[in-house]
Structures are given as C-alpha cells and as structure tokens.
Amino acid sequence: MLVSEWCPTCPQAEQVWTQVAAERDFEFAVLDLNQTAGRELAHRLRVRTIPAVVIDGELKAVGVQSPAEARQMVAAAPPRHVARRHAGITLSVDNRWFVSSAMLWLLACALWLAGQGALTAEGNLRGVGLHLFGAGFVQTLIYGLGGHMLPRFTGRPIASGTIAWMQFGLHHSGLVILLGGLAAGLRAIAAVGGILGWLALLIFAMRILPLLWLLPGTGDTINRKEAQ
C-alpha cells in the first residue's frame, strides 16, 4: 500500500488492510512516498492517487476499500494463523503506550520542578529529577517514536507483540524501582531498577538492529516482494 503523511484517508485505508493482513497469509507492507522504495514504486506504476494498493507488482486499486472489497482482492491467499507486523503510518498499541507514558513522566517532571525548583536536589533526591526527565520522558519517548518511525523509513517491520511489552514492562518497572531506591537511599534497590532499565534498552536494541543492518544472506522483504 502506497501512502503519505499528508493523505487524510490513508490511515483509514491502512486500518482496513491491516485487519485483512491479519486474516490472510500474504506479504503486506505500507510504503510512504517519502521513502525511496515508495517513490520508485509510484513512479514505475505511474501512481497519481493515494492510498494505492499494489498486488504482485500491479496497481489494483486506489482510495479506501471496505474490508469486504479488500478480502475479495486477496481471496486466493490462505487464512493466516500468526499475524505479521508491518511498517505503517499509524501508531501501534505498544508505541502509543510508550508515547502516552512519556507524557505522564513529563508531567511528573514538571511537578518535581514546581516543588524543587530544579532537576537536581540535595541528599538522596539528587538524581531523582534527572532520571524523571532523562529516563522517564526522553528515553520513553525515544522508544515509542523510534519503534514507529524506524520501520517507516527503513521499510522493514519491527518485532512487536510480547517482546515490545516486555520492553515496556522492564523499562517502567525498572524506573519506578530506581527512583524509589534513590529516594530512600537504598543503593541495592536502585541498582536493581537500573539493571531492569538496561535490559529494556537491550531489548530495544535487538528490535531495531534488523531494521538498520540486514544480516548476510537475508533480503529486504519490501525489495523482494511487491505484493502489498
């Protein structure tokens, strides 16, 4: 599916095809016209209207299809038992939670500033404000936006599902434990929270590595397949 950020109906079309792709076993990708692969495909097929649906290298439809119309277009595809992830223009549930929780951490940071007058404080509270802003707001926002933007601009799907929620849980539980340990002056507890945070960062690195560097002998799904 060819889309663009400025297209008002593209998110609706993506939702329809995401639903159908979860039901039927076919390669599905969402290409933005800002991506090189998207521009090349649109130029080759002389696409003038988006959203546009391309199947087996041929332009099949433009505009927003109903779920029934989309299912009919891929009726030959067998039922899918495990849904595959794709790079799209809408925030996935896990990324939406990352971004939303980042805003909550920013609110907590604002309340801290209102009470303390600065990010740093004296005694046991010295690092609390810094971690509220750095790990709470900035790092959480990077997780959400990175997980959303990198698949779009590399054209490769990111590992989602259980592994993403593991990262979410480790990051937030680790941060809470870290902040509690710092506030109470318990270095061992703070260290446990820090370790959980590093594990979350490791998971994120493992998720984005395949998007940035393909392993030898593997191919780019979007370049190999033009069945969107």
C-alpha atoms as a PDB file:
ATOM      1  CA  MET A   1       0.000   0.000   0.000  1.00  0.00           C
ATOM      2  CA  LEU A   2       1.337   3.403  -1.025  1.00  0.00           C
ATOM      3  CA  VAL A   3       0.524   6.214   1.403  1.00  0.00           C
ATOM      4  CA  SER A   4       1.709   9.636   2.517  1.00  0.00           C
ATOM      5  CA  GLU A   5       1.631  11.634   5.740  1.00  0.00           C
ATOM      6  CA  TRP A   6      -0.469  14.380   4.199  1.00  0.00           C
ATOM      7  CA  CYS A   7      -3.107  11.958   2.868  1.00  0.00           C
ATOM      8  CA  PRO A   8      -6.239  12.270   5.065  1.00  0.00           C
ATOM      9  CA  THR A   9      -7.731   8.883   4.073  1.00  0.00           C
ATOM     10  CA  CYS A  10      -4.522   6.821   4.227  1.00  0.00           C
ATOM     11  CA  PRO A  11      -4.832   5.911   7.948  1.00  0.00           C
ATOM     12  CA  GLN A  12      -8.345   4.601   7.300  1.00  0.00           C
ATOM     13  CA  ALA A  13      -7.132   2.514   4.347  1.00  0.00           C
ATOM     14  CA  GLU A  14      -4.236   1.170   6.386  1.00  0.00           C
ATOM     15  CA  GLN A  15      -6.567   0.057   9.165  1.00  0.00           C
ATOM     16  CA  VAL A  16      -8.686  -1.893   6.663  1.00  0.00           C
ATOM     17  CA  TRP A  17      -5.685  -3.646   5.116  1.00  0.00           C
ATOM     18  CA  THR A  18      -4.051  -4.274   8.480  1.00  0.00           C
ATOM     19  CA  GLN A  19      -7.187  -6.134   9.515  1.00  0.00           C
ATOM     20  CA  VAL A  20      -7.249  -8.172   6.299  1.00  0.00           C
ATOM     21  CA  ALA A  21      -3.493  -8.884   6.502  1.00  0.00           C
ATOM     22  CA  ALA A  22      -4.038 -10.329   9.967  1.00  0.00           C
ATOM     23  CA  GLU A  23      -6.622 -12.708   8.496  1.00  0.00           C
ATOM     24  CA  ARG A  24      -4.967 -13.755   5.238  1.00  0.00           C
ATOM     25  CA  ASP A  25      -1.440 -15.071   4.612  1.00  0.00           C
ATOM     26  CA  PHE A  26       0.208 -12.604   2.218  1.00  0.00           C
ATOM     27  CA  GLU A  27       3.144 -10.213   2.405  1.00  0.00           C
ATOM     28  CA  PHE A  28       1.879  -6.776   3.437  1.00  0.00           C
ATOM     29  CA  ALA A  29       3.788  -3.519   3.654  1.00  0.00           C
ATOM     30  CA  VAL A  30       2.908   0.155   3.850  1.00  0.00           C
ATOM     31  CA  LEU A  31       5.236   2.398   1.845  1.00  0.00           C
ATOM     32  CA  ASP A  32       5.340   6.149   2.338  1.00  0.00           C
ATOM     33  CA  LEU A  33       6.039   8.279  -0.721  1.00  0.00           C
ATOM     34  CA  ASN A  34       8.831   9.880   1.331  1.00  0.00           C
ATOM     35  CA  GLN A  35      10.627   6.526   1.272  1.00  0.00           C
ATOM     36  CA  THR A  36      12.880   5.698  -1.669  1.00  0.00           C
ATOM     37  CA  ALA A  37      11.093   2.395  -2.284  1.00  0.00           C
ATOM     38  CA  GLY A  38       7.733   4.160  -2.191  1.00  0.00           C
ATOM     39  CA  ARG A  39       8.775   6.842  -4.671  1.00  0.00           C
ATOM     40  CA  GLU A  40      10.304   4.310  -7.054  1.00  0.00           C
ATOM     41  CA  LEU A  41       7.217   2.097  -7.000  1.00  0.00           C
ATOM     42  CA  ALA A  42       4.853   5.049  -7.515  1.00  0.00           C
ATOM     43  CA  HIS A  43       6.976   6.324 -10.423  1.00  0.00           C
ATOM     44  CA  ARG A  44       7.183   2.924 -12.094  1.00  0.00           C
ATOM     45  CA  LEU A  45       3.436   2.323 -11.861  1.00  0.00           C
ATOM     46  CA  ARG A  46       2.593   5.985 -12.563  1.00  0.00           C
ATOM     47  CA  VAL A  47       0.513   6.256  -9.426  1.00  0.00           C
ATOM     48  CA  ARG A  48      -1.264   9.604  -9.202  1.00  0.00           C
ATOM     49  CA  THR A  49      -3.734   8.934  -6.383  1.00  0.00           C
ATOM     50  CA  ILE A  50      -3.154   7.557  -2.902  1.00  0.00           C
ATOM     51  CA  PRO A  51      -3.795   5.427  -0.988  1.00  0.00           C
ATOM     52  CA  ALA A  52      -2.975   2.940  -3.708  1.00  0.00           C
ATOM     53  CA  VAL A  53      -2.990  -0.841  -3.457  1.00  0.00           C
ATOM     54  CA  VAL A  54      -0.330  -2.766  -5.391  1.00  0.00           C
ATOM     55  CA  ILE A  55      -0.573  -6.551  -5.699  1.00  0.00           C
ATOM     56  CA  ASP A  56       2.038  -8.676  -7.468  1.00  0.00           C
ATOM     57  CA  GLY A  57       3.652  -5.543  -8.884  1.00  0.00           C
ATOM     58  CA  GLU A  58       0.447  -4.205 -10.449  1.00  0.00           C
ATOM     59  CA  LEU A  59      -1.726  -1.291  -9.385  1.00  0.00           C
ATOM     60  CA  LYS A  60      -5.035  -2.842  -8.349  1.00  0.00           C
ATOM     61  CA  ALA A  61      -6.988  -0.082  -6.635  1.00  0.00           C
ATOM     62  CA  VAL A  62      -6.882   3.442  -5.260  1.00  0.00           C
ATOM     63  CA  GLY A  63      -8.798   5.028  -2.416  1.00  0.00           C
ATOM     64  CA  VAL A  64     -10.226   3.329   0.657  1.00  0.00           C
ATOM     65  CA  GLN A  65     -11.628  -0.155   0.213  1.00  0.00           C
ATOM     66  CA  SER A  66     -14.150  -1.742   2.518  1.00  0.00           C
ATOM     67  CA  PRO A  67     -12.996  -4.854   4.422  1.00  0.00           C
ATOM     68  CA  ALA A  68     -15.155  -6.961   2.105  1.00  0.00           C
ATOM     69  CA  GLU A  69     -13.567  -5.426  -1.006  1.00  0.00           C
ATOM     70  CA  ALA A  70     -10.072  -5.912   0.400  1.00  0.00           C
ATOM     71  CA  ARG A  71     -10.785  -9.554   1.262  1.00  0.00           C
ATOM     72  CA  GLN A  72     -12.062 -10.151  -2.254  1.00  0.00           C
ATOM     73  CA  MET A  73      -8.846  -8.729  -3.733  1.00  0.00           C
ATOM     74  CA  VAL A  74      -6.760 -11.295  -1.802  1.00  0.00           C
ATOM     75  CA  ALA A  75      -9.286 -14.115  -1.812  1.00  0.00           C
ATOM     76  CA  ALA A  76      -6.668 -16.559  -3.151  1.00  0.00           C
ATOM     77  CA  ALA A  77      -4.477 -16.104  -0.062  1.00  0.00           C
ATOM     78  CA  PRO A  78      -4.911 -18.822   2.609  1.00  0.00           C
ATOM     79  CA  PRO A  79      -6.001 -17.976   6.153  1.00  0.00           C
ATOM     80  CA  ARG A  80      -3.223 -16.679   8.379  1.00  0.00           C
ATOM     81  CA  HIS A  81      -2.537 -18.370  11.695  1.00  0.00           C
ATOM     82  CA  VAL A  82       0.008 -15.866  13.023  1.00  0.00           C
ATOM     83  CA  ALA A  83      -0.347 -12.189  12.172  1.00  0.00           C
ATOM     84  CA  ARG A  84       2.738 -10.484  10.772  1.00  0.00           C
ATOM     85  CA  ARG A  85       3.743  -6.967  11.655  1.00  0.00           C
ATOM     86  CA  HIS A  86       4.298  -4.235   9.109  1.00  0.00           C
ATOM     87  CA  ALA A  87       5.647  -0.710   8.909  1.00  0.00           C
ATOM     88  CA  GLY A  88       2.722   1.676   8.754  1.00  0.00           C
ATOM     89  CA  ILE A  89       1.794   5.290   9.349  1.00  0.00           C
ATOM     90  CA  THR A  90      -0.426   4.759  12.391  1.00  0.00           C
ATOM     91  CA  LEU A  91       0.933   4.223  15.891  1.00  0.00           C
ATOM     92  CA  SER A  92       0.739   0.632  17.071  1.00  0.00           C
ATOM     93  CA  VAL A  93      -0.739  -0.047  20.503  1.00  0.00           C
ATOM     94  CA  ASP A  94       2.639  -0.568  22.181  1.00  0.00           C
ATOM     95  CA  ASN A  95       4.114   2.591  20.672  1.00  0.00           C
ATOM     96  CA  ARG A  96       1.004   4.543  21.676  1.00  0.00           C
ATOM     97  CA  TRP A  97       1.518   3.398  25.261  1.00  0.00           C
ATOM     98  CA  PHE A  98       5.184   4.383  25.162  1.00  0.00           C
ATOM     99  CA  VAL A  99       4.386   7.889  23.908  1.00  0.00           C
ATOM    100  CA  SER A 100       1.473   8.325  26.316  1.00  0.00           C
ATOM    101  CA  SER A 101       3.518   7.202  29.311  1.00  0.00           C
ATOM    102  CA  ALA A 102       6.316   9.561  28.231  1.00  0.00           C
ATOM    103  CA  MET A 103       3.844  12.421  28.604  1.00  0.00           C
ATOM    104  CA  LEU A 104       2.987  11.202  32.116  1.00  0.00           C
ATOM    105  CA  TRP A 105       6.674  11.145  33.028  1.00  0.00           C
ATOM    106  CA  LEU A 106       6.976  14.678  31.658  1.00  0.00           C
ATOM    107  CA  LEU A 107       4.089  15.724  33.897  1.00  0.00           C
ATOM    108  CA  ALA A 108       5.826  14.118  36.864  1.00  0.00           C
ATOM    109  CA  CYS A 109       8.984  16.000  35.931  1.00  0.00           C
ATOM    110  CA  ALA A 110       7.040  19.279  35.812  1.00  0.00           C
ATOM    111  CA  LEU A 111       5.601  18.624  39.254  1.00  0.00           C
ATOM    112  CA  TRP A 112       9.101  17.868  40.516  1.00  0.00           C
ATOM    113  CA  LEU A 113      10.384  21.152  39.114  1.00  0.00           C
ATOM    114  CA  ALA A 114       7.483  23.028  40.696  1.00  0.00           C
ATOM    115  CA  GLY A 115       8.288  21.505  44.074  1.00  0.00           C
ATOM    116  CA  GLN A 116      12.091  21.541  43.976  1.00  0.00           C
ATOM    117  CA  GLY A 117      12.806  24.462  41.663  1.00  0.00           C
ATOM    118  CA  ALA A 118      15.443  22.436  39.760  1.00  0.00           C
ATOM    119  CA  LEU A 119      16.036  18.963  38.353  1.00  0.00           C
ATOM    120  CA  THR A 120      18.804  18.306  40.843  1.00  0.00           C
ATOM    121  CA  ALA A 121      18.260  18.186  44.592  1.00  0.00           C
ATOM    122  CA  GLU A 122      20.278  17.583  47.717  1.00  0.00           C
ATOM    123  CA  GLY A 123      20.903  14.287  49.501  1.00  0.00           C
ATOM    124  CA  ASN A 124      19.129  11.111  48.443  1.00  0.00           C
ATOM    125  CA  LEU A 125      16.911  13.006  45.998  1.00  0.00           C
ATOM    126  CA  ARG A 126      19.851  14.258  43.964  1.00  0.00           C
ATOM    127  CA  GLY A 127      19.303  12.021  40.925  1.00  0.00           C
ATOM    128  CA  VAL A 128      15.514  11.673  41.033  1.00  0.00           C
ATOM    129  CA  GLY A 129      14.690  14.692  38.889  1.00  0.00           C
ATOM    130  CA  LEU A 130      17.362  13.885  36.321  1.00  0.00           C
ATOM    131  CA  HIS A 131      16.062  10.349  35.891  1.00  0.00           C
ATOM    132  CA  LEU A 132      12.470  11.567  35.721  1.00  0.00           C
ATOM    133  CA  PHE A 133      13.370  13.686  32.715  1.00  0.00           C
ATOM    134  CA  GLY A 134      16.095  11.584  31.088  1.00  0.00           C
ATOM    135  CA  ALA A 135      14.877   8.011  31.502  1.00  0.00           C
ATOM    136  CA  GLY A 136      11.234   8.844  32.202  1.00  0.00           C
ATOM    137  CA  PHE A 137      10.406  11.343  29.467  1.00  0.00           C
ATOM    138  CA  VAL A 138      13.215  11.330  26.888  1.00  0.00           C
ATOM    139  CA  GLN A 139      14.027   7.618  26.792  1.00  0.00           C
ATOM    140  CA  THR A 140      10.384   6.521  26.867  1.00  0.00           C
ATOM    141  CA  LEU A 141       9.584   8.915  24.021  1.00  0.00           C
ATOM    142  CA  ILE A 142      12.524   7.561  22.011  1.00  0.00           C
ATOM    143  CA  TYR A 143      11.196   4.036  22.482  1.00  0.00           C
ATOM    144  CA  GLY A 144       7.738   4.991  21.202  1.00  0.00           C
ATOM    145  CA  LEU A 145       8.735   7.228  18.308  1.00  0.00           C
ATOM    146  CA  GLY A 146      11.724   5.074  17.365  1.00  0.00           C
ATOM    147  CA  GLY A 147       9.555   1.973  17.221  1.00  0.00           C
ATOM    148  CA  HIS A 148       7.127   3.873  14.996  1.00  0.00           C
ATOM    149  CA  MET A 149       9.408   5.885  12.706  1.00  0.00           C
ATOM    150  CA  LEU A 150      12.259   3.450  12.010  1.00  0.00           C
ATOM    151  CA  PRO A 151      10.038   0.836  10.302  1.00  0.00           C
ATOM    152  CA  ARG A 152       8.509   3.559   8.143  1.00  0.00           C
ATOM    153  CA  PHE A 153      11.779   4.947   6.867  1.00  0.00           C
ATOM    154  CA  THR A 154      13.611   1.640   6.507  1.00  0.00           C
ATOM    155  CA  GLY A 155      10.621  -0.198   5.033  1.00  0.00           C
ATOM    156  CA  ARG A 156      11.237  -3.160   7.335  1.00  0.00           C
ATOM    157  CA  PRO A 157       8.890  -4.459  10.051  1.00  0.00           C
ATOM    158  CA  ILE A 158       9.911  -4.251  13.696  1.00  0.00           C
ATOM    159  CA  ALA A 159       9.436  -7.084  16.171  1.00  0.00           C
ATOM    160  CA  SER A 160       6.283  -6.360  18.156  1.00  0.00           C
ATOM    161  CA  GLY A 161       3.881  -8.192  20.407  1.00  0.00           C
ATOM    162  CA  THR A 162       5.250  -9.879  23.526  1.00  0.00           C
ATOM    163  CA  ILE A 163       8.807  -8.591  23.145  1.00  0.00           C
ATOM    164  CA  ALA A 164       7.613  -4.975  22.906  1.00  0.00           C
ATOM    165  CA  TRP A 165       5.512  -5.343  26.049  1.00  0.00           C
ATOM    166  CA  MET A 166       8.470  -6.967  27.838  1.00  0.00           C
ATOM    167  CA  GLN A 167      10.497  -3.874  26.984  1.00  0.00           C
ATOM    168  CA  PHE A 168       7.664  -1.650  28.208  1.00  0.00           C
ATOM    169  CA  GLY A 169       7.329  -3.517  31.497  1.00  0.00           C
ATOM    170  CA  LEU A 170      11.062  -3.698  32.196  1.00  0.00           C
ATOM    171  CA  HIS A 171      11.577  -0.024  31.415  1.00  0.00           C
ATOM    172  CA  HIS A 172       8.779   1.312  33.591  1.00  0.00           C
ATOM    173  CA  SER A 173       9.165  -1.106  36.490  1.00  0.00           C
ATOM    174  CA  GLY A 174      12.907  -0.523  36.450  1.00  0.00           C
ATOM    175  CA  LEU A 175      12.445   3.239  36.502  1.00  0.00           C
ATOM    176  CA  VAL A 176       9.989   3.109  39.399  1.00  0.00           C
ATOM    177  CA  ILE A 177      12.326   0.862  41.397  1.00  0.00           C
ATOM    178  CA  LEU A 178      15.305   3.064  40.530  1.00  0.00           C
ATOM    179  CA  LEU A 179      13.536   6.239  41.648  1.00  0.00           C
ATOM    180  CA  GLY A 180      12.275   4.577  44.827  1.00  0.00           C
ATOM    181  CA  GLY A 181      15.743   3.271  45.662  1.00  0.00           C
ATOM    182  CA  LEU A 182      17.310   6.694  45.091  1.00  0.00           C
ATOM    183  CA  ALA A 183      14.679   8.474  47.179  1.00  0.00           C
ATOM    184  CA  ALA A 184      15.085   6.004  50.051  1.00  0.00           C
ATOM    185  CA  GLY A 185      18.866   5.975  49.845  1.00  0.00           C
ATOM    186  CA  LEU A 186      18.913   2.241  49.112  1.00  0.00           C
ATOM    187  CA  ARG A 187      21.671   1.710  46.583  1.00  0.00           C
ATOM    188  CA  ALA A 188      20.973  -2.010  46.112  1.00  0.00           C
ATOM    189  CA  ILE A 189      17.329  -1.336  45.231  1.00  0.00           C
ATOM    190  CA  ALA A 190      18.326   1.474  42.870  1.00  0.00           C
ATOM    191  CA  ALA A 191      20.831  -0.880  41.202  1.00  0.00           C
ATOM    192  CA  VAL A 192      18.099  -3.456  40.583  1.00  0.00           C
ATOM    193  CA  GLY A 193      16.000  -0.789  38.899  1.00  0.00           C
ATOM    194  CA  GLY A 194      18.959   0.271  36.798  1.00  0.00           C
ATOM    195  CA  ILE A 195      19.583  -3.305  35.653  1.00  0.00           C
ATOM    196  CA  LEU A 196      15.943  -3.664  34.570  1.00  0.00           C
ATOM    197  CA  GLY A 197      16.267  -0.421  32.635  1.00  0.00           C
ATOM    198  CA  TRP A 198      19.387  -1.664  30.856  1.00  0.00           C
ATOM    199  CA  LEU A 199      17.582  -4.898  29.954  1.00  0.00           C
ATOM    200  CA  ALA A 200      14.789  -2.829  28.377  1.00  0.00           C
ATOM    201  CA  LEU A 201      17.394  -0.902  26.392  1.00  0.00           C
ATOM    202  CA  LEU A 202      18.986  -4.173  25.251  1.00  0.00           C
ATOM    203  CA  ILE A 203      15.617  -5.450  24.012  1.00  0.00           C
ATOM    204  CA  PHE A 204      15.050  -2.215  22.095  1.00  0.00           C
ATOM    205  CA  ALA A 205      18.498  -2.536  20.512  1.00  0.00           C
ATOM    206  CA  MET A 206      17.695  -6.117  19.463  1.00  0.00           C
ATOM    207  CA  ARG A 207      14.405  -4.946  17.936  1.00  0.00           C
ATOM    208  CA  ILE A 208      15.861  -2.132  15.848  1.00  0.00           C
ATOM    209  CA  LEU A 209      19.120  -3.804  14.784  1.00  0.00           C
ATOM    210  CA  PRO A 210      17.493  -5.805  11.935  1.00  0.00           C
ATOM    211  CA  LEU A 211      15.970  -2.564  10.628  1.00  0.00           C
ATOM    212  CA  LEU A 212      19.330  -0.826  10.396  1.00  0.00           C
ATOM    213  CA  TRP A 213      21.557  -3.686   9.224  1.00  0.00           C
ATOM    214  CA  LEU A 214      20.410  -6.785   7.360  1.00  0.00           C
ATOM    215  CA  LEU A 215      22.246  -9.973   8.208  1.00  0.00           C
ATOM    216  CA  PRO A 216      24.281 -11.572   5.395  1.00  0.00           C
ATOM    217  CA  GLY A 217      22.123 -13.785   3.215  1.00  0.00           C
ATOM    218  CA  THR A 218      18.872 -12.107   4.151  1.00  0.00           C
ATOM    219  CA  GLY A 219      16.862  -9.871   1.910  1.00  0.00           C
ATOM    220  CA  ASP A 220      14.646  -6.869   2.366  1.00  0.00           C
ATOM    221  CA  THR A 221      11.064  -8.078   2.270  1.00  0.00           C
ATOM    222  CA  ILE A 222       9.844  -4.925   0.590  1.00  0.00           C
ATOM    223  CA  ASN A 223      12.501  -5.092  -2.090  1.00  0.00           C
ATOM    224  CA  ARG A 224      11.926  -8.814  -2.623  1.00  0.00           C
ATOM    225  CA  LYS A 225       8.176  -8.577  -2.708  1.00  0.00           C
ATOM    226  CA  GLU A 226       5.914  -6.089  -4.375  1.00  0.00           C
ATOM    227  CA  ALA A 227       2.786  -7.833  -3.119  1.00  0.00           C
ATOM    228  CA  GLN A 228       1.482  -5.302  -0.627  1.00  0.00           C
END
